[in-house]
PDB file of N, CA and C in Angstrom:
ATOM      1  N   UNK A   1     104.299 110.652 124.104  1.00  0.00           N
ATOM      2  CA  UNK A   1     105.775 111.050 123.721  1.00  0.00           C
ATOM      3  C   UNK A   1     105.448 110.982 122.155  1.00  0.00           C
ATOM      4  N   UNK A   2     106.271 111.975 121.233  1.00  0.00           N
ATOM      5  CA  UNK A   2     105.723 111.890 120.146  1.00  0.00           C
ATOM      6  C   UNK A   2     106.450 110.461 119.396  1.00  0.00           C
ATOM      7  N   UNK A   3     106.016 109.865 118.307  1.00  0.00           N
ATOM      8  CA  UNK A   3     106.925 108.916 117.732  1.00  0.00           C
ATOM      9  C   UNK A   3     108.025 109.710 116.676  1.00  0.00           C
ATOM     10  N   UNK A   4     108.798 109.288 116.434  1.00  0.00           N
ATOM     11  CA  UNK A   4     109.941 109.766 115.430  1.00  0.00           C
ATOM     12  C   UNK A   4     109.418 109.992 114.163  1.00  0.00           C
ATOM     13  N   UNK A   5     108.035 109.057 113.586  1.00  0.00           N
ATOM     14  CA  UNK A   5     107.620 109.985 112.364  1.00  0.00           C
ATOM     15  C   UNK A   5     106.926 111.080 112.337  1.00  0.00           C
ATOM     16  N   UNK A   6     106.220 110.942 113.469  1.00  0.00           N
ATOM     17  CA  UNK A   6     105.341 112.332 113.961  1.00  0.00           C
ATOM     18  C   UNK A   6     106.203 113.268 114.141  1.00  0.00           C
ATOM     19  N   UNK A   7     107.349 113.358 114.974  1.00  0.00           N
ATOM     20  CA  UNK A   7     108.530 114.335 114.849  1.00  0.00           C
ATOM     21  C   UNK A   7     109.324 114.843 113.578  1.00  0.00           C
ATOM     22  N   UNK A   8     109.158 113.988 112.586  1.00  0.00           N
ATOM     23  CA  UNK A   8     110.001 114.023 111.679  1.00  0.00           C
ATOM     24  C   UNK A   8     108.696 114.761 110.557  1.00  0.00           C
ATOM     25  N   UNK A   9     107.081 114.349 110.655  1.00  0.00           N
ATOM     26  CA  UNK A   9     106.156 115.130 110.085  1.00  0.00           C
ATOM     27  C   UNK A   9     106.453 116.814 110.172  1.00  0.00           C
ATOM     28  N   UNK A  10     106.611 116.791 111.606  1.00  0.00           N
ATOM     29  CA  UNK A  10     106.473 118.261 112.737  1.00  0.00           C
ATOM     30  C   UNK A  10     107.746 119.006 111.756  1.00  0.00           C
ATOM     31  N   UNK A  11     108.871 118.632 111.665  1.00  0.00           N
ATOM     32  CA  UNK A  11     110.045 119.149 111.117  1.00  0.00           C
ATOM     33  C   UNK A  11     110.008 119.483 109.487  1.00  0.00           C
ATOM     34  N   UNK A  12     109.110 118.791 108.886  1.00  0.00           N
ATOM     35  CA  UNK A  12     108.920 118.466 107.533  1.00  0.00           C
ATOM     36  C   UNK A  12     108.179 119.753 107.252  1.00  0.00           C
ATOM     37  N   UNK A  13     106.889 119.938 108.108  1.00  0.00           N
ATOM     38  CA  UNK A  13     105.933 120.851 107.792  1.00  0.00           C
ATOM     39  C   UNK A  13     106.481 121.991 108.280  1.00  0.00           C
ATOM     40  N   UNK A  14     107.276 122.322 109.191  1.00  0.00           N
ATOM     41  CA  UNK A  14     107.680 123.540 109.955  1.00  0.00           C
ATOM     42  C   UNK A  14     108.462 124.495 108.733  1.00  0.00           C
ATOM     43  N   UNK A  15     109.287 123.707 107.829  1.00  0.00           N
ATOM     44  CA  UNK A  15     109.908 124.398 106.629  1.00  0.00           C
ATOM     45  C   UNK A  15     109.567 124.266 105.436  1.00  0.00           C
ATOM     46  N   UNK A  16     108.459 123.824 105.231  1.00  0.00           N
ATOM     47  CA  UNK A  16     107.528 123.691 103.864  1.00  0.00           C
ATOM     48  C   UNK A  16     107.101 125.277 103.647  1.00  0.00           C
ATOM     49  N   UNK A  17     107.052 125.395 102.242  1.00  0.00           N
ATOM     50  CA  UNK A  17     106.432 126.763 101.711  1.00  0.00           C
ATOM     51  C   UNK A  17     104.770 126.540 101.471  1.00  0.00           C
ATOM     52  N   UNK A  18     104.771 124.994 100.978  1.00  0.00           N
ATOM     53  CA  UNK A  18     103.446 124.557 100.566  1.00  0.00           C
ATOM     54  C   UNK A  18     102.797 123.685 100.921  1.00  0.00           C
ATOM     55  N   UNK A  19     101.490 123.326 101.213  1.00  0.00           N
ATOM     56  CA  UNK A  19     101.205 121.971 101.926  1.00  0.00           C
ATOM     57  C   UNK A  19     101.599 120.987 101.308  1.00  0.00           C
ATOM     58  N   UNK A  20     102.002 119.740 102.013  1.00  0.00           N
ATOM     59  CA  UNK A  20     102.443 118.572 101.606  1.00  0.00           C
ATOM     60  C   UNK A  20     101.864 117.440 101.695  1.00  0.00           C
ATOM     61  N   UNK A  21     101.716 117.317 100.392  1.00  0.00           N
ATOM     62  CA  UNK A  21     100.717 115.923  99.901  1.00  0.00           C
ATOM     63  C   UNK A  21     101.416 114.649 101.209  1.00  0.00           C
ATOM     64  N   UNK A  22     100.254 113.948 101.680  1.00  0.00           N
ATOM     65  CA  UNK A  22     100.656 113.108 102.320  1.00  0.00           C
ATOM     66  C   UNK A  22     101.279 111.885 101.830  1.00  0.00           C
ATOM     67  N   UNK A  23     100.998 111.657 100.798  1.00  0.00           N
ATOM     68  CA  UNK A  23     101.610 110.617  99.851  1.00  0.00           C
ATOM     69  C   UNK A  23     103.218 110.596  99.624  1.00  0.00           C
ATOM     70  N   UNK A  24     103.683 112.033  99.600  1.00  0.00           N
ATOM     71  CA  UNK A  24     105.223 112.235  99.288  1.00  0.00           C
ATOM     72  C   UNK A  24     105.746 112.119 101.090  1.00  0.00           C
ATOM     73  N   UNK A  25     104.636 112.402 102.192  1.00  0.00           N
ATOM     74  CA  UNK A  25     105.288 112.387 103.740  1.00  0.00           C
ATOM     75  C   UNK A  25     105.448 111.102 103.825  1.00  0.00           C
ATOM     76  N   UNK A  26     104.690 110.125 103.313  1.00  0.00           N
ATOM     77  CA  UNK A  26     104.863 108.625 103.277  1.00  0.00           C
ATOM     78  C   UNK A  26     105.782 108.032 102.425  1.00  0.00           C
ATOM     79  N   UNK A  27     106.416 108.761 101.684  1.00  0.00           N
ATOM     80  CA  UNK A  27     107.189 107.969 100.365  1.00  0.00           C
ATOM     81  C   UNK A  27     108.433 108.183 102.042  1.00  0.00           C
ATOM     82  N   UNK A  28     108.734 109.670 102.652  1.00  0.00           N
ATOM     83  CA  UNK A  28     110.000 110.067 102.833  1.00  0.00           C
ATOM     84  C   UNK A  28     110.168 109.831 104.064  1.00  0.00           C
ATOM     85  N   UNK A  29     109.218 109.132 104.791  1.00  0.00           N
ATOM     86  CA  UNK A  29     109.468 108.553 106.019  1.00  0.00           C
ATOM     87  C   UNK A  29     109.068 107.026 105.738  1.00  0.00           C
ATOM     88  N   UNK A  30     108.801 106.724 104.613  1.00  0.00           N
ATOM     89  CA  UNK A  30     108.773 105.351 104.396  1.00  0.00           C
ATOM     90  C   UNK A  30     107.826 104.305 105.600  1.00  0.00           C
ATOM     91  N   UNK A  31     106.710 104.966 105.524  1.00  0.00           N
ATOM     92  CA  UNK A  31     105.437 104.660 106.268  1.00  0.00           C
ATOM     93  C   UNK A  31     104.388 104.509 105.159  1.00  0.00           C
ATOM     94  N   UNK A  32     103.045 103.924 105.486  1.00  0.00           N
ATOM     95  CA  UNK A  32     102.019 103.993 104.566  1.00  0.00           C
ATOM     96  C   UNK A  32     101.281 105.265 104.531  1.00  0.00           C
ATOM     97  N   UNK A  33     100.587 105.721 103.828  1.00  0.00           N
ATOM     98  CA  UNK A  33      99.813 106.791 103.579  1.00  0.00           C
ATOM     99  C   UNK A  33      99.165 106.769 104.712  1.00  0.00           C
ATOM    100  N   UNK A  34      98.049 105.748 105.010  1.00  0.00           N
ATOM    101  CA  UNK A  34      97.254 105.763 106.060  1.00  0.00           C
ATOM    102  C   UNK A  34      97.462 106.154 107.329  1.00  0.00           C
ATOM    103  N   UNK A  35      99.183 105.740 107.999  1.00  0.00           N
ATOM    104  CA  UNK A  35      99.954 106.489 109.015  1.00  0.00           C
ATOM    105  C   UNK A  35     100.331 107.799 109.120  1.00  0.00           C
ATOM    106  N   UNK A  36     100.716 108.109 108.023  1.00  0.00           N
ATOM    107  CA  UNK A  36     100.969 109.891 107.863  1.00  0.00           C
ATOM    108  C   UNK A  36      99.446 110.507 107.952  1.00  0.00           C
ATOM    109  N   UNK A  37      98.125 109.918 108.079  1.00  0.00           N
ATOM    110  CA  UNK A  37      97.047 110.741 108.271  1.00  0.00           C
ATOM    111  C   UNK A  37      96.855 110.391 109.645  1.00  0.00           C
ATOM    112  N   UNK A  38      96.472 109.312 110.350  1.00  0.00           N
ATOM    113  CA  UNK A  38      96.447 108.739 111.677  1.00  0.00           C
ATOM    114  C   UNK A  38      97.617 109.968 112.345  1.00  0.00           C
ATOM    115  N   UNK A  39      98.625 109.911 112.107  1.00  0.00           N
ATOM    116  CA  UNK A  39     100.070 110.775 112.763  1.00  0.00           C
ATOM    117  C   UNK A  39      99.495 112.148 112.910  1.00  0.00           C
ATOM    118  N   UNK A  40      99.047 112.524 111.542  1.00  0.00           N
ATOM    119  CA  UNK A  40      98.650 114.197 111.808  1.00  0.00           C
ATOM    120  C   UNK A  40      97.092 114.267 112.240  1.00  0.00           C
ATOM    121  N   UNK A  41      96.399 113.349 112.088  1.00  0.00           N
ATOM    122  CA  UNK A  41      95.235 113.628 113.455  1.00  0.00           C
ATOM    123  C   UNK A  41      95.419 113.665 114.649  1.00  0.00           C
ATOM    124  N   UNK A  42      96.334 112.535 115.001  1.00  0.00           N
ATOM    125  CA  UNK A  42      96.989 112.504 116.267  1.00  0.00           C
ATOM    126  C   UNK A  42      97.783 114.209 116.683  1.00  0.00           C
ATOM    127  N   UNK A  43      98.419 114.207 115.698  1.00  0.00           N
ATOM    128  CA  UNK A  43      99.194 115.891 115.874  1.00  0.00           C
ATOM    129  C   UNK A  43      97.806 116.796 115.919  1.00  0.00           C
ATOM    130  N   UNK A  44      97.258 117.015 115.437  1.00  0.00           N
ATOM    131  CA  UNK A  44      95.895 118.056 115.374  1.00  0.00           C
ATOM    132  C   UNK A  44      95.597 117.859 116.540  1.00  0.00           C
ATOM    133  N   UNK A  45      95.271 116.914 117.292  1.00  0.00           N
ATOM    134  CA  UNK A  45      94.488 117.039 118.055  1.00  0.00           C
ATOM    135  C   UNK A  45      95.244 117.214 119.688  1.00  0.00           C
ATOM    136  N   UNK A  46      96.603 116.912 119.443  1.00  0.00           N
ATOM    137  CA  UNK A  46      97.354 117.530 120.418  1.00  0.00           C
ATOM    138  C   UNK A  46      97.710 119.040 120.338  1.00  0.00           C
ATOM    139  N   UNK A  47      97.980 119.392 119.325  1.00  0.00           N
ATOM    140  CA  UNK A  47      97.915 120.857 119.419  1.00  0.00           C
ATOM    141  C   UNK A  47      96.667 122.050 119.799  1.00  0.00           C
ATOM    142  N   UNK A  48      95.554 121.264 119.496  1.00  0.00           N
ATOM    143  CA  UNK A  48      93.940 121.798 120.378  1.00  0.00           C
ATOM    144  C   UNK A  48      93.915 121.643 121.576  1.00  0.00           C
ATOM    145  N   UNK A  49      94.663 120.300 122.202  1.00  0.00           N
ATOM    146  CA  UNK A  49      94.657 120.153 123.349  1.00  0.00           C
ATOM    147  C   UNK A  49      95.445 121.523 124.045  1.00  0.00           C
ATOM    148  N   UNK A  50      96.472 121.268 123.598  1.00  0.00           N
ATOM    149  CA  UNK A  50      97.631 122.114 124.222  1.00  0.00           C
ATOM    150  C   UNK A  50      97.105 123.943 124.079  1.00  0.00           C
ATOM    151  N   UNK A  51      95.932 123.879 123.192  1.00  0.00           N
ATOM    152  CA  UNK A  51      95.854 125.204 122.875  1.00  0.00           C
ATOM    153  C   UNK A  51      97.012 126.322 122.573  1.00  0.00           C
ATOM    154  N   UNK A  52      97.644 125.560 121.502  1.00  0.00           N
ATOM    155  CA  UNK A  52      98.634 126.143 120.807  1.00  0.00           C
ATOM    156  C   UNK A  52      98.688 127.560 119.790  1.00  0.00           C
ATOM    157  N   UNK A  53      99.425 128.421 119.592  1.00  0.00           N
ATOM    158  CA  UNK A  53      99.073 129.262 118.727  1.00  0.00           C
ATOM    159  C   UNK A  53      98.956 128.989 117.672  1.00  0.00           C
ATOM    160  N   UNK A  54      99.084 127.697 116.863  1.00  0.00           N
ATOM    161  CA  UNK A  54      99.114 127.428 115.823  1.00  0.00           C
ATOM    162  C   UNK A  54      97.940 126.012 115.572  1.00  0.00           C
ATOM    163  N   UNK A  55      97.951 125.684 114.429  1.00  0.00           N
ATOM    164  CA  UNK A  55      97.310 124.583 113.897  1.00  0.00           C
ATOM    165  C   UNK A  55      98.006 123.731 112.811  1.00  0.00           C
ATOM    166  N   UNK A  56      97.772 122.153 112.543  1.00  0.00           N
ATOM    167  CA  UNK A  56      97.324 121.905 111.811  1.00  0.00           C
ATOM    168  C   UNK A  56      96.500 121.380 110.472  1.00  0.00           C
ATOM    169  N   UNK A  57      96.538 121.671 109.439  1.00  0.00           N
ATOM    170  CA  UNK A  57      95.166 121.781 108.456  1.00  0.00           C
ATOM    171  C   UNK A  57      95.779 121.298 107.720  1.00  0.00           C
ATOM    172  N   UNK A  58      94.632 120.514 106.868  1.00  0.00           N
ATOM    173  CA  UNK A  58      94.351 119.605 105.735  1.00  0.00           C
ATOM    174  C   UNK A  58      93.976 120.775 104.720  1.00  0.00           C
ATOM    175  N   UNK A  59      94.783 121.122 103.638  1.00  0.00           N
ATOM    176  CA  UNK A  59      94.328 122.145 102.578  1.00  0.00           C
ATOM    177  C   UNK A  59      95.165 121.821 101.223  1.00  0.00           C
ATOM    178  N   UNK A  60      94.279 122.270 100.241  1.00  0.00           N
ATOM    179  CA  UNK A  60      94.692 121.879  98.772  1.00  0.00           C
ATOM    180  C   UNK A  60      95.621 120.122  98.696  1.00  0.00           C
ATOM    181  N   UNK A  61      94.770 119.546  99.308  1.00  0.00           N
ATOM    182  CA  UNK A  61      95.464 118.154  99.463  1.00  0.00           C
ATOM    183  C   UNK A  61      96.477 117.489  99.850  1.00  0.00           C
ATOM    184  N   UNK A  62      97.132 118.487 100.609  1.00  0.00           N
ATOM    185  CA  UNK A  62      98.101 118.373 101.772  1.00  0.00           C
ATOM    186  C   UNK A  62      98.239 118.946 103.009  1.00  0.00           C
ATOM    187  N   UNK A  63      98.925 118.803 103.969  1.00  0.00           N
ATOM    188  CA  UNK A  63      99.250 119.162 105.378  1.00  0.00           C
ATOM    189  C   UNK A  63     100.132 120.953 105.535  1.00  0.00           C
ATOM    190  N   UNK A  64      99.638 121.465 106.274  1.00  0.00           N
ATOM    191  CA  UNK A  64     100.323 123.127 106.775  1.00  0.00           C
ATOM    192  C   UNK A  64      99.964 122.895 108.157  1.00  0.00           C
ATOM    193  N   UNK A  65     100.891 124.081 108.539  1.00  0.00           N
ATOM    194  CA  UNK A  65     100.465 124.912 109.822  1.00  0.00           C
ATOM    195  C   UNK A  65     100.069 126.076 109.343  1.00  0.00           C
ATOM    196  N   UNK A  66      99.305 126.605 110.630  1.00  0.00           N
ATOM    197  CA  UNK A  66      99.017 127.939 110.058  1.00  0.00           C
ATOM    198  C   UNK A  66      98.380 128.182 111.313  1.00  0.00           C
ATOM    199  N   UNK A  67      98.486 129.760 111.341  1.00  0.00           N
ATOM    200  CA  UNK A  67      98.372 130.408 113.127  1.00  0.00           C
ATOM    201  C   UNK A  67      97.087 131.025 112.581  1.00  0.00           C
TER     202      UNK A  67
END
């Protein structure tokens, strides 16, 4: 089961037009930037394991979804 912070990251990234800086995510979620990186790593692995039609990538210093 995904944590509330992981769900919030998903929601933010789903509507973002540009890659979102992990430090901004950390501020919004009130967690450490390292925690954001860990959560994004977990989300990436989960999407790959589930063979989703999209991936979570780190690009241009931030995170974004792409197909």
